[in-house]
N, C-alpha and C. Protein backbone atom coordinates (compact mmCIF):
# COMPACT_ATOMS: atom_id res chain seq x y z
N UNK A 1 103.07 96.95 80.17
CA UNK A 1 102.08 95.79 80.17
C UNK A 1 101.34 95.75 81.48
N UNK A 2 99.82 95.44 81.33
CA UNK A 2 99.10 95.34 82.29
C UNK A 2 99.49 94.34 83.43
N UNK A 3 99.39 94.64 84.73
CA UNK A 3 99.55 93.51 85.72
C UNK A 3 98.61 92.45 85.66
N UNK A 4 99.14 91.20 85.80
CA UNK A 4 98.18 90.06 85.79
C UNK A 4 97.92 89.53 87.24
N UNK A 5 96.56 89.43 87.54
CA UNK A 5 96.13 88.91 88.84
C UNK A 5 95.52 87.69 88.73
N UNK A 6 96.02 86.67 89.50
CA UNK A 6 95.19 85.33 89.58
C UNK A 6 94.20 85.31 90.60
N UNK A 7 92.97 85.10 90.43
CA UNK A 7 92.07 85.01 91.36
C UNK A 7 91.21 83.77 91.63
N UNK A 8 91.18 83.46 92.85
CA UNK A 8 90.45 82.24 93.28
C UNK A 8 89.10 82.25 93.01
N UNK A 9 88.66 81.17 92.19
CA UNK A 9 87.10 81.05 91.73
C UNK A 9 86.17 80.95 92.95
N UNK A 10 84.91 81.10 92.85
CA UNK A 10 83.96 80.96 93.92
C UNK A 10 83.75 81.95 94.78
N UNK A 11 83.75 81.63 96.22
CA UNK A 11 83.40 82.44 97.28
C UNK A 11 84.37 83.57 97.52
N UNK A 12 85.56 83.38 97.27
CA UNK A 12 86.70 84.26 97.46
C UNK A 12 86.55 85.40 96.21
N UNK A 13 86.16 84.79 95.00
CA UNK A 13 86.16 85.50 93.89
C UNK A 13 84.91 86.69 94.09
N UNK A 14 83.89 86.25 94.63
CA UNK A 14 82.63 87.04 94.88
C UNK A 14 83.16 88.20 95.88
N UNK A 15 83.67 87.79 97.00
CA UNK A 15 83.93 88.82 97.92
C UNK A 15 84.99 89.74 97.46
N UNK A 16 85.97 89.27 96.71
CA UNK A 16 87.01 90.04 96.15
C UNK A 16 86.48 91.20 95.21
N UNK A 17 85.40 90.88 94.45
CA UNK A 17 84.81 91.71 93.58
C UNK A 17 84.17 92.94 94.20
N UNK A 18 83.51 92.80 95.46
CA UNK A 18 82.98 93.68 96.26
C UNK A 18 84.05 94.59 96.81
N UNK A 19 85.23 93.90 97.24
CA UNK A 19 86.25 94.75 97.85
C UNK A 19 86.89 95.53 96.65
N UNK A 20 87.13 95.06 95.51
CA UNK A 20 87.75 95.62 94.47
C UNK A 20 86.90 96.96 93.94
N UNK A 21 85.68 96.65 93.97
CA UNK A 21 84.76 97.75 93.60
C UNK A 21 84.76 98.95 94.60
N UNK A 22 84.88 98.61 95.88
CA UNK A 22 85.01 99.61 96.94
C UNK A 22 86.50 100.31 96.94
N UNK A 23 87.34 99.67 96.08
CA UNK A 23 88.62 100.46 95.96
C UNK A 23 88.52 101.42 94.63
N UNK A 24 87.28 101.30 94.06
CA UNK A 24 87.01 102.30 92.79
C UNK A 24 87.79 101.64 91.60
N UNK A 25 87.88 100.47 91.44
CA UNK A 25 88.20 99.83 90.23
C UNK A 25 86.98 99.31 89.46
N UNK A 26 87.16 99.15 88.15
CA UNK A 26 86.05 98.67 87.25
C UNK A 26 85.90 97.35 87.38
N UNK A 27 84.78 96.72 87.88
CA UNK A 27 84.68 95.18 88.02
C UNK A 27 83.58 94.75 86.99
N UNK A 28 82.96 95.57 86.21
CA UNK A 28 82.07 95.22 85.29
C UNK A 28 82.40 94.13 84.42
N UNK A 29 83.62 94.07 83.78
CA UNK A 29 84.01 92.99 82.95
C UNK A 29 84.13 91.77 83.74
N UNK A 30 84.48 91.72 84.98
CA UNK A 30 84.54 90.57 85.80
C UNK A 30 83.22 90.00 86.11
N UNK A 31 82.41 90.82 86.48
CA UNK A 31 81.03 90.38 86.87
C UNK A 31 80.30 89.74 85.67
N UNK A 32 80.44 90.24 84.53
CA UNK A 32 79.70 89.68 83.20
C UNK A 32 80.63 88.84 82.53
N UNK A 33 81.50 88.11 83.00
CA UNK A 33 82.43 87.24 82.11
C UNK A 33 82.08 85.98 81.63
N UNK A 34 80.86 85.65 82.27
CA UNK A 34 80.32 84.19 81.85
C UNK A 34 81.24 83.06 82.37
N UNK A 35 81.72 82.35 81.22
CA UNK A 35 82.70 81.03 81.68
C UNK A 35 84.07 81.38 81.32
N UNK A 36 84.34 82.64 80.99
CA UNK A 36 85.81 82.98 80.52
C UNK A 36 86.56 82.92 81.94
N UNK A 37 87.80 82.41 81.61
CA UNK A 37 88.77 82.11 82.76
C UNK A 37 89.96 83.09 82.62
N UNK A 38 89.94 84.08 81.44
CA UNK A 38 90.76 85.11 81.42
C UNK A 38 90.08 86.36 81.03
N UNK A 39 90.19 87.34 81.70
CA UNK A 39 89.51 88.65 81.45
C UNK A 39 90.37 89.76 81.61
N UNK A 40 90.28 90.63 80.63
CA UNK A 40 91.07 92.00 80.60
C UNK A 40 90.26 93.21 81.02
N UNK A 41 90.66 94.00 81.89
CA UNK A 41 89.93 95.34 82.25
C UNK A 41 90.83 96.40 81.69
N UNK A 42 90.34 97.59 81.92
CA UNK A 42 91.22 98.53 81.45
C UNK A 42 92.67 98.79 82.14
N UNK A 43 92.63 98.13 83.38
CA UNK A 43 93.89 98.30 84.14
C UNK A 43 94.73 97.07 84.43
N UNK A 44 93.89 96.03 84.38
CA UNK A 44 94.55 94.57 84.62
C UNK A 44 94.15 93.46 83.79
N UNK A 45 94.91 92.47 83.79
CA UNK A 45 94.61 91.12 83.27
C UNK A 45 94.18 90.23 84.42
N UNK A 46 93.15 89.51 84.31
CA UNK A 46 92.77 88.47 85.36
C UNK A 46 92.70 87.01 84.86
N UNK A 47 93.12 86.02 85.51
CA UNK A 47 93.01 84.82 85.21
C UNK A 47 92.20 84.14 86.53
N UNK A 48 91.36 83.25 86.29
CA UNK A 48 90.50 82.67 87.51
C UNK A 48 90.83 81.09 87.53
N UNK A 49 91.12 80.76 88.77
CA UNK A 49 91.52 79.38 88.98
C UNK A 49 91.23 78.87 90.39
N UNK A 50 91.40 77.59 90.55
CA UNK A 50 91.35 77.05 91.93
C UNK A 50 92.34 77.54 92.69
N UNK A 51 92.17 77.71 94.07
CA UNK A 51 93.13 78.29 94.93
C UNK A 51 94.44 77.76 94.95
N UNK A 52 94.84 76.47 94.88
CA UNK A 52 96.24 76.11 94.69
C UNK A 52 96.80 76.34 93.42
N UNK A 53 95.93 76.38 92.41
CA UNK A 53 96.50 76.60 91.06
C UNK A 53 96.82 78.28 91.03
N UNK A 54 96.19 79.05 91.74
CA UNK A 54 96.43 80.42 91.71
C UNK A 54 98.03 80.58 92.17
N UNK A 55 98.17 79.87 93.19
CA UNK A 55 99.61 80.02 93.69
C UNK A 55 100.61 79.44 92.77
N UNK A 56 100.32 78.42 91.89
CA UNK A 56 101.28 77.92 90.92
C UNK A 56 101.39 79.00 89.94
N UNK A 57 100.41 79.71 89.37
CA UNK A 57 100.49 80.62 88.38
C UNK A 57 101.34 81.83 88.99
N UNK A 58 101.25 82.19 90.31
CA UNK A 58 102.06 83.34 90.88
C UNK A 58 103.53 82.80 90.96
N UNK A 59 103.64 81.72 91.57
CA UNK A 59 104.94 81.21 91.60
C UNK A 59 105.79 81.12 90.31
N UNK A 60 105.34 80.75 89.22
CA UNK A 60 105.90 80.62 88.00
C UNK A 60 105.89 81.82 87.12
N UNK A 61 105.39 82.99 87.66
CA UNK A 61 105.39 84.23 87.02
C UNK A 61 104.39 84.50 85.88
N UNK A 62 103.43 83.54 85.72
CA UNK A 62 102.37 83.75 84.90
C UNK A 62 101.48 85.00 85.31
N UNK A 63 101.28 85.01 86.60
CA UNK A 63 100.62 86.10 87.07
C UNK A 63 101.44 86.84 88.16
N UNK A 64 101.39 88.09 88.17
CA UNK A 64 102.26 88.93 88.96
C UNK A 64 101.68 88.92 90.46
N UNK A 65 100.41 88.89 90.59
CA UNK A 65 99.67 88.99 91.88
C UNK A 65 98.64 87.94 91.99
N UNK A 66 98.42 87.49 93.20
CA UNK A 66 97.37 86.55 93.37
C UNK A 66 96.44 86.80 94.49
N UNK A 67 95.16 86.35 94.54
CA UNK A 67 94.21 86.51 95.77
C UNK A 67 93.90 85.02 96.04
N UNK A 68 94.35 84.57 97.19
CA UNK A 68 94.24 83.24 97.55
C UNK A 68 93.85 83.03 99.17
N UNK A 69 93.26 82.11 99.58
CA UNK A 69 92.98 81.85 100.83
C UNK A 69 94.37 81.62 101.73
N UNK A 70 94.38 81.95 102.83
CA UNK A 70 95.81 81.77 103.72
C UNK A 70 95.82 80.26 103.87
N UNK A 71 94.75 79.47 104.04
CA UNK A 71 94.81 78.15 104.25
C UNK A 71 95.62 77.40 103.25
N UNK A 72 95.44 77.91 101.97
CA UNK A 72 96.17 77.13 100.85
C UNK A 72 97.73 77.46 101.13
N UNK A 73 98.10 78.69 101.43
CA UNK A 73 99.54 78.99 101.73
C UNK A 73 100.05 78.16 102.73
N UNK A 74 99.22 77.85 103.87
CA UNK A 74 99.77 77.13 105.05
C UNK A 74 99.90 75.68 104.54
N UNK A 75 98.96 75.22 103.75
CA UNK A 75 99.11 73.63 103.44
C UNK A 75 100.17 73.52 102.43
N UNK A 76 100.24 74.23 101.34
CA UNK A 76 101.23 73.95 100.29
C UNK A 76 102.50 74.73 100.29
N UNK A 77 102.55 75.77 101.03
CA UNK A 77 103.85 76.63 101.24
C UNK A 77 104.35 76.86 99.88
N UNK A 78 103.73 77.44 98.97
CA UNK A 78 104.38 77.89 97.75
C UNK A 78 105.54 78.81 97.64
N UNK A 79 106.39 78.92 96.72
CA UNK A 79 107.47 79.93 96.85
C UNK A 79 106.92 81.27 96.17
N UNK A 80 106.20 82.00 97.15
CA UNK A 80 105.59 83.38 96.58
C UNK A 80 105.79 84.15 97.71
N UNK A 81 105.65 85.59 97.54
CA UNK A 81 105.67 86.62 98.53
C UNK A 81 104.31 86.87 99.12
N UNK A 82 103.95 86.59 100.33
CA UNK A 82 102.71 86.82 100.97
C UNK A 82 102.79 88.27 101.35
N UNK A 83 102.03 89.10 100.77
CA UNK A 83 102.19 90.70 100.79
C UNK A 83 101.22 91.07 102.19
N UNK A 84 99.96 90.61 102.09
CA UNK A 84 99.14 91.30 103.13
C UNK A 84 97.80 90.60 103.31
N UNK A 85 97.18 90.55 104.42
CA UNK A 85 95.90 89.95 104.61
C UNK A 85 94.91 91.04 103.98
N UNK A 86 93.57 90.35 103.62
CA UNK A 86 92.74 91.14 103.03
C UNK A 86 91.45 90.94 103.86
N UNK A 87 90.53 91.97 103.85
CA UNK A 87 89.31 91.96 104.71
C UNK A 87 88.15 91.13 104.33
N UNK A 88 88.49 90.02 103.85
CA UNK A 88 87.34 89.10 103.53
C UNK A 88 87.92 87.61 103.36
N UNK A 89 87.12 86.73 103.16
CA UNK A 89 87.54 85.29 103.13
C UNK A 89 87.79 84.73 104.55
N UNK A 90 87.21 85.26 105.44
CA UNK A 90 87.40 84.83 106.89
C UNK A 90 86.88 83.44 107.11
N UNK A 91 87.75 82.69 107.77
CA UNK A 91 87.21 81.27 108.01
C UNK A 91 88.21 80.73 109.15
N UNK A 92 88.01 79.53 109.62
CA UNK A 92 88.78 79.01 110.59
C UNK A 92 88.84 77.43 110.41
N UNK A 93 90.05 76.99 110.67
CA UNK A 93 90.37 75.43 110.66
C UNK A 93 89.93 74.78 111.95
N UNK A 94 89.26 73.61 111.86
CA UNK A 94 88.71 73.11 113.00
C UNK A 94 88.77 71.61 112.82
N UNK A 95 88.67 70.80 114.10
CA UNK A 95 88.63 69.44 114.25
C UNK A 95 87.09 69.36 114.46
N UNK A 96 86.39 68.50 113.66
CA UNK A 96 84.97 68.15 113.76
C UNK A 96 84.79 66.71 113.87
N UNK A 97 83.71 66.36 114.70
CA UNK A 97 83.45 64.93 114.91
C UNK A 97 81.87 64.80 114.89
N UNK A 98 81.45 63.55 114.90
CA UNK A 98 80.02 63.17 114.81
C UNK A 98 79.30 63.60 116.23
N UNK A 99 78.27 64.24 116.21
CA UNK A 99 77.57 64.75 117.35
C UNK A 99 77.20 63.53 118.13
N UNK A 100 77.54 63.76 119.49
CA UNK A 100 77.20 62.69 120.42
C UNK A 100 78.03 61.42 120.38
N UNK A 101 79.18 61.56 119.57
CA UNK A 101 79.96 60.24 119.61
C UNK A 101 81.26 60.42 120.39
N UNK A 102 81.62 59.41 121.19
CA UNK A 102 82.81 59.57 121.95
C UNK A 102 84.16 59.73 121.22
N UNK A 103 84.94 60.51 121.53
CA UNK A 103 86.36 60.63 120.91
C UNK A 103 87.17 59.49 121.57
N UNK A 104 87.57 58.53 120.53
CA UNK A 104 88.21 57.31 121.07
C UNK A 104 89.42 57.58 121.82
N UNK A 105 89.93 56.55 122.70
CA UNK A 105 91.10 56.64 123.46
C UNK A 105 92.17 55.93 122.58
N UNK A 106 92.04 55.20 121.55
CA UNK A 106 93.06 54.67 120.64
C UNK A 106 93.64 55.68 119.72
N UNK A 107 94.53 55.09 118.93
CA UNK A 107 95.05 56.17 117.90
C UNK A 107 93.92 56.43 117.12
N UNK A 108 93.75 57.92 116.87
CA UNK A 108 92.50 58.46 116.20
C UNK A 108 92.93 58.42 114.49
N UNK A 109 91.83 58.39 113.80
CA UNK A 109 91.90 58.53 112.42
C UNK A 109 91.25 59.86 112.06
N UNK A 110 91.90 60.54 111.23
CA UNK A 110 91.52 61.90 110.78
C UNK A 110 91.56 61.99 109.36
N UNK A 111 90.24 62.44 108.76
CA UNK A 111 90.31 62.87 107.34
C UNK A 111 90.45 64.17 106.99
N UNK A 112 91.19 64.58 105.88
CA UNK A 112 91.12 66.00 105.70
C UNK A 112 91.72 66.24 104.33
N UNK A 113 91.46 67.43 103.75
CA UNK A 113 92.13 67.93 102.46
C UNK A 113 93.27 68.53 102.75
N UNK A 114 93.59 68.85 104.04
CA UNK A 114 94.71 69.72 104.58
C UNK A 114 95.50 68.64 105.47
N UNK A 115 96.18 67.78 104.74
CA UNK A 115 96.90 66.76 105.53
C UNK A 115 98.18 67.38 106.18
N UNK A 116 98.91 68.44 105.53
CA UNK A 116 100.09 69.10 106.27
C UNK A 116 99.72 69.75 107.37
N UNK A 117 98.62 70.65 107.33
CA UNK A 117 98.17 71.49 108.45
C UNK A 117 97.81 70.38 109.55
N UNK A 118 97.08 69.28 109.18
CA UNK A 118 96.63 68.47 110.21
C UNK A 118 97.72 67.78 111.07
N UNK A 119 98.73 67.35 110.13
CA UNK A 119 99.81 66.62 110.74
C UNK A 119 100.72 67.51 111.71
N UNK A 120 100.77 68.72 111.28
CA UNK A 120 101.51 69.68 112.18
C UNK A 120 100.73 70.15 113.52
N UNK A 121 99.36 70.17 113.37
CA UNK A 121 98.50 70.52 114.48
C UNK A 121 98.65 69.35 115.49
N UNK A 122 98.53 68.22 115.21
CA UNK A 122 98.49 67.06 116.06
C UNK A 122 99.93 66.87 116.47
N UNK A 123 100.93 67.10 115.79
CA UNK A 123 102.38 67.03 116.16
C UNK A 123 102.53 68.03 117.33
N UNK A 124 102.15 69.24 117.38
CA UNK A 124 102.26 70.24 118.35
C UNK A 124 101.40 69.77 119.57
N UNK A 125 100.44 68.95 119.43
CA UNK A 125 99.76 68.57 120.54
C UNK A 125 100.38 67.24 121.13
N UNK A 126 101.40 66.80 120.46
CA UNK A 126 102.07 65.69 120.96
C UNK A 126 101.11 64.23 120.69
N UNK A 127 100.33 64.36 119.76
CA UNK A 127 99.39 63.24 119.48
C UNK A 127 99.86 62.68 118.11
N UNK A 128 99.80 61.24 118.05
CA UNK A 128 100.02 60.62 116.71
C UNK A 128 98.62 60.10 116.26
N UNK A 129 98.47 60.51 114.88
CA UNK A 129 96.97 60.16 114.34
C UNK A 129 97.34 59.59 112.98
N UNK A 130 96.34 58.82 112.56
CA UNK A 130 96.47 58.30 111.04
C UNK A 130 95.63 59.23 110.29
N UNK A 131 96.19 59.89 109.23
CA UNK A 131 95.64 60.85 108.36
C UNK A 131 95.16 60.36 106.98
N UNK A 132 93.90 60.37 106.58
CA UNK A 132 93.35 60.03 105.30
C UNK A 132 93.14 61.26 104.54
N UNK A 133 93.88 61.43 103.33
CA UNK A 133 93.66 62.50 102.33
C UNK A 133 92.23 62.31 101.71
N UNK A 134 91.35 63.37 101.70
CA UNK A 134 90.37 63.29 100.81
C UNK A 134 90.19 64.74 100.01
N UNK A 135 89.82 64.68 98.83
CA UNK A 135 89.74 65.82 98.15
C UNK A 135 88.25 66.56 98.18
N UNK A 136 87.28 65.94 98.61
CA UNK A 136 86.01 66.63 98.75
C UNK A 136 85.00 66.01 99.63
N UNK A 137 84.16 66.61 100.19
CA UNK A 137 82.97 66.11 100.98
C UNK A 137 83.67 65.18 102.20
N UNK A 138 84.65 65.90 102.88
CA UNK A 138 85.36 65.17 104.01
C UNK A 138 84.43 64.77 105.20
N UNK A 139 83.06 65.45 105.14
CA UNK A 139 82.19 65.37 106.26
C UNK A 139 81.52 63.78 106.09
N UNK A 140 81.79 63.09 105.01
CA UNK A 140 81.25 61.82 104.88
C UNK A 140 82.18 60.74 105.68
N UNK A 141 83.46 61.00 105.80
CA UNK A 141 84.39 60.25 106.31
C UNK A 141 83.87 59.49 107.86
N UNK A 142 83.63 60.37 108.79
CA UNK A 142 83.15 60.00 110.06
C UNK A 142 81.72 59.04 109.98
N UNK A 143 81.02 59.63 109.04
CA UNK A 143 79.65 59.06 108.98
C UNK A 143 79.72 57.70 108.42
N UNK A 144 80.62 57.45 107.40
CA UNK A 144 80.72 56.18 106.88
C UNK A 144 81.86 55.26 107.55
N UNK A 145 82.44 55.78 108.72
CA UNK A 145 83.47 54.98 109.43
C UNK A 145 84.88 54.95 109.07
N UNK A 146 85.11 55.75 107.96
CA UNK A 146 86.50 55.88 107.51
C UNK A 146 87.45 56.51 108.67
N UNK A 147 86.88 57.58 109.33
CA UNK A 147 87.67 58.29 110.32
C UNK A 147 86.87 58.72 111.51
N UNK A 148 87.59 58.95 112.55
CA UNK A 148 86.89 59.26 113.81
C UNK A 148 86.45 60.95 113.84
N UNK A 149 87.20 61.65 113.04
CA UNK A 149 87.00 63.18 112.83
C UNK A 149 87.65 63.61 111.56
N UNK A 150 87.38 64.87 111.28
CA UNK A 150 87.85 65.59 110.23
C UNK A 150 88.59 66.84 110.58
N UNK A 151 89.49 67.39 109.81
CA UNK A 151 89.98 68.71 109.93
C UNK A 151 89.64 69.41 108.65
N UNK A 152 89.06 70.45 108.75
CA UNK A 152 88.50 71.29 107.50
C UNK A 152 88.27 72.80 107.86
N UNK A 153 88.12 73.54 106.74
CA UNK A 153 87.77 74.81 106.77
C UNK A 153 86.24 74.99 107.23
N UNK A 154 85.95 75.98 108.28
CA UNK A 154 84.75 76.25 108.72
C UNK A 154 84.44 77.59 108.57
N UNK A 155 83.29 78.01 107.91
CA UNK A 155 82.96 79.30 107.76
C UNK A 155 81.81 79.48 108.54
N UNK A 156 80.55 78.98 108.17
CA UNK A 156 79.30 79.21 108.93
C UNK A 156 78.90 78.04 109.77
N UNK A 157 79.57 76.89 109.46
CA UNK A 157 79.19 75.58 110.15
C UNK A 157 77.92 74.94 109.63
N UNK A 158 77.27 75.47 108.66
CA UNK A 158 76.13 74.81 108.15
C UNK A 158 76.16 73.55 107.64
N UNK A 159 77.36 73.26 106.81
CA UNK A 159 77.54 71.84 106.27
C UNK A 159 77.89 70.74 107.22
N UNK A 160 78.60 71.30 108.33
CA UNK A 160 78.74 70.31 109.48
C UNK A 160 77.45 69.88 110.22
N UNK A 161 76.68 71.11 110.42
CA UNK A 161 75.43 70.78 111.11
C UNK A 161 74.34 69.75 110.36
N UNK A 162 74.33 70.12 108.97
CA UNK A 162 73.47 69.35 108.17
C UNK A 162 73.97 67.91 108.08
N UNK A 163 75.17 67.56 108.25
CA UNK A 163 75.76 66.16 108.15
C UNK A 163 75.97 65.63 109.55
N UNK A 164 75.51 66.20 110.56
CA UNK A 164 75.42 65.62 111.97
C UNK A 164 76.78 65.66 112.61
N UNK A 165 77.60 66.67 112.30
CA UNK A 165 79.03 66.83 112.81
C UNK A 165 78.91 68.27 113.71
N UNK A 166 79.79 68.12 114.68
CA UNK A 166 80.05 69.39 115.56
C UNK A 166 81.48 69.78 115.66
N UNK A 167 81.85 71.13 115.87
CA UNK A 167 83.28 71.41 115.96
C UNK A 167 83.75 70.95 117.37
N UNK A 168 84.86 70.30 117.51
CA UNK A 168 85.35 69.82 118.62
C UNK A 168 86.32 71.00 119.10
N UNK A 169 87.40 71.30 118.16
CA UNK A 169 88.47 72.22 118.47
C UNK A 169 88.65 73.16 117.23
N UNK A 170 89.00 74.35 117.49
CA UNK A 170 89.39 75.25 116.55
C UNK A 170 90.77 75.67 116.74
N UNK A 171 91.52 75.77 115.61
CA UNK A 171 93.04 76.07 115.84
C UNK A 171 93.61 77.03 115.04
N UNK A 172 93.07 77.54 113.99
CA UNK A 172 93.55 78.69 113.08
C UNK A 172 92.47 79.58 112.54
N UNK A 173 92.86 80.76 112.40
CA UNK A 173 91.84 81.75 111.84
C UNK A 173 92.64 82.31 110.58
N UNK A 174 91.91 82.17 109.36
CA UNK A 174 92.47 82.62 108.17
C UNK A 174 91.56 83.66 107.52
N UNK A 175 92.34 84.31 106.48
CA UNK A 175 91.63 85.18 105.62
C UNK A 175 92.17 85.12 104.30
N UNK A 176 91.58 85.78 103.36
CA UNK A 176 92.25 85.87 101.99
C UNK A 176 93.49 86.77 102.01
N UNK A 177 94.59 86.38 101.07
CA UNK A 177 95.71 87.21 101.16
C UNK A 177 96.15 87.60 99.87
N UNK A 178 96.75 88.63 99.70
CA UNK A 178 97.34 89.12 98.29
C UNK A 178 98.82 88.56 98.25
N UNK A 179 99.04 87.83 97.33
CA UNK A 179 100.57 87.34 97.14
C UNK A 179 101.07 87.90 95.92
N UNK A 180 102.37 87.70 95.80
CA UNK A 180 103.02 88.20 94.63
C UNK A 180 104.15 87.27 94.15
N UNK A 181 104.55 87.33 92.66
CA UNK A 181 105.68 86.72 92.33
C UNK A 181 106.91 87.50 92.78
N UNK A 182 107.91 86.71 93.22
CA UNK A 182 109.05 87.48 93.80
C UNK A 182 109.89 88.21 92.65
N UNK A 183 110.01 87.72 91.41
CA UNK A 183 110.64 88.37 90.36
C UNK A 183 109.71 89.75 89.99
N UNK A 184 108.48 89.42 89.68
CA UNK A 184 107.54 90.64 89.45
C UNK A 184 107.73 91.73 90.36
N UNK A 185 107.86 91.65 91.68
CA UNK A 185 108.01 92.67 92.71
C UNK A 185 109.20 93.51 92.42
N UNK A 186 110.26 92.74 91.85
CA UNK A 186 111.52 93.53 91.37
C UNK A 186 111.47 94.20 89.97
N UNK A 187 111.09 93.34 89.06
CA UNK A 187 111.08 93.86 87.59
C UNK A 187 110.07 94.80 87.34
N UNK A 188 108.73 94.65 87.87
CA UNK A 188 107.70 95.49 87.63
C UNK A 188 107.27 96.27 88.80
N UNK A 189 108.25 96.69 89.65
CA UNK A 189 108.06 97.54 90.83
C UNK A 189 107.20 98.77 90.63
N UNK A 190 107.43 99.52 89.48
CA UNK A 190 106.81 100.79 89.23
C UNK A 190 105.38 100.52 88.91
N UNK A 191 105.08 99.42 88.34
CA UNK A 191 103.59 99.18 87.91
C UNK A 191 102.78 98.64 89.25
N UNK A 192 103.53 97.73 89.81
CA UNK A 192 102.78 97.10 91.04
C UNK A 192 102.79 97.90 92.30
N UNK A 193 103.73 98.67 92.66
CA UNK A 193 103.81 99.28 93.87
C UNK A 193 102.42 100.14 94.10
N UNK A 194 101.98 100.95 93.22
CA UNK A 194 100.69 101.65 93.34
C UNK A 194 99.54 100.80 93.61
N UNK A 195 99.52 99.60 93.08
CA UNK A 195 98.42 98.65 93.14
C UNK A 195 98.36 98.15 94.62
N UNK A 196 99.69 97.59 95.05
CA UNK A 196 99.84 97.11 96.33
C UNK A 196 99.52 98.26 97.37
N UNK A 197 99.89 99.37 97.22
CA UNK A 197 99.52 100.53 98.19
C UNK A 197 98.22 100.68 98.33
N UNK A 198 97.33 100.59 97.11
CA UNK A 198 95.91 100.82 97.25
C UNK A 198 95.29 99.66 97.91
N UNK A 199 95.86 98.37 97.75
CA UNK A 199 95.15 97.37 98.60
C UNK A 199 95.67 97.50 100.15
N UNK A 200 96.76 98.01 100.35
CA UNK A 200 97.16 98.35 101.90
C UNK A 200 96.26 99.41 102.48
N UNK A 201 95.92 100.34 101.71
CA UNK A 201 94.92 101.33 102.29
C UNK A 201 93.47 100.90 102.44
N UNK A 202 93.23 99.82 101.56
CA UNK A 202 91.90 99.29 101.57
C UNK A 202 91.65 98.15 102.49
N UNK A 203 92.57 97.94 103.34
CA UNK A 203 92.66 96.71 104.20
C UNK A 203 91.24 96.66 105.17
N UNK A 204 90.76 97.74 105.42
CA UNK A 204 89.72 97.80 106.35
C UNK A 204 88.25 97.73 105.71
N UNK A 205 88.47 97.99 104.30
CA UNK A 205 87.18 97.94 103.55
C UNK A 205 86.44 96.84 103.72
N UNK A 206 85.08 96.88 103.89
CA UNK A 206 84.33 95.61 104.22
C UNK A 206 83.23 95.53 103.03
């Protein structure tokens, strides 16, 4: 049976396809998949999902391997085997605030999709903050007065700049990672080992 790989849709997906092609795998069916969420190539089965759902499919054995951002692993701590970093999907976690606005001395309010990462970061700093969980467009929170700042993934910084925000502190560097289902690594060892080895050799492919 072909190995099943769960792949994060969007930016990571596009970067993965370039990487996968550089490893001499056939990516044609993946590029021309249209709106399909499940695609089969000559060597693999692929499912396309949001990052956190990728970890769920891998954790429960629906997919043997997964390609997901390290930020998702840090935030949700799924029960998967994190095999190795991949040479794409680079980004950083940062605290951002409104440009020119003073950082208040009172207990600060922080908005983020990444509440666990945020809580741990400020705990390590010895700071107590109020955290608001938002699922999208966290840049709005300081603008509308909900929060004093945000904690979010930053890649180019363009979205922050366009919304009048600036990076105050950076505290984690992330990349995409190859993850695996724990049982699959044992049961399908002969099938997965060559694939993982190829990924390891291709770590420096850009």
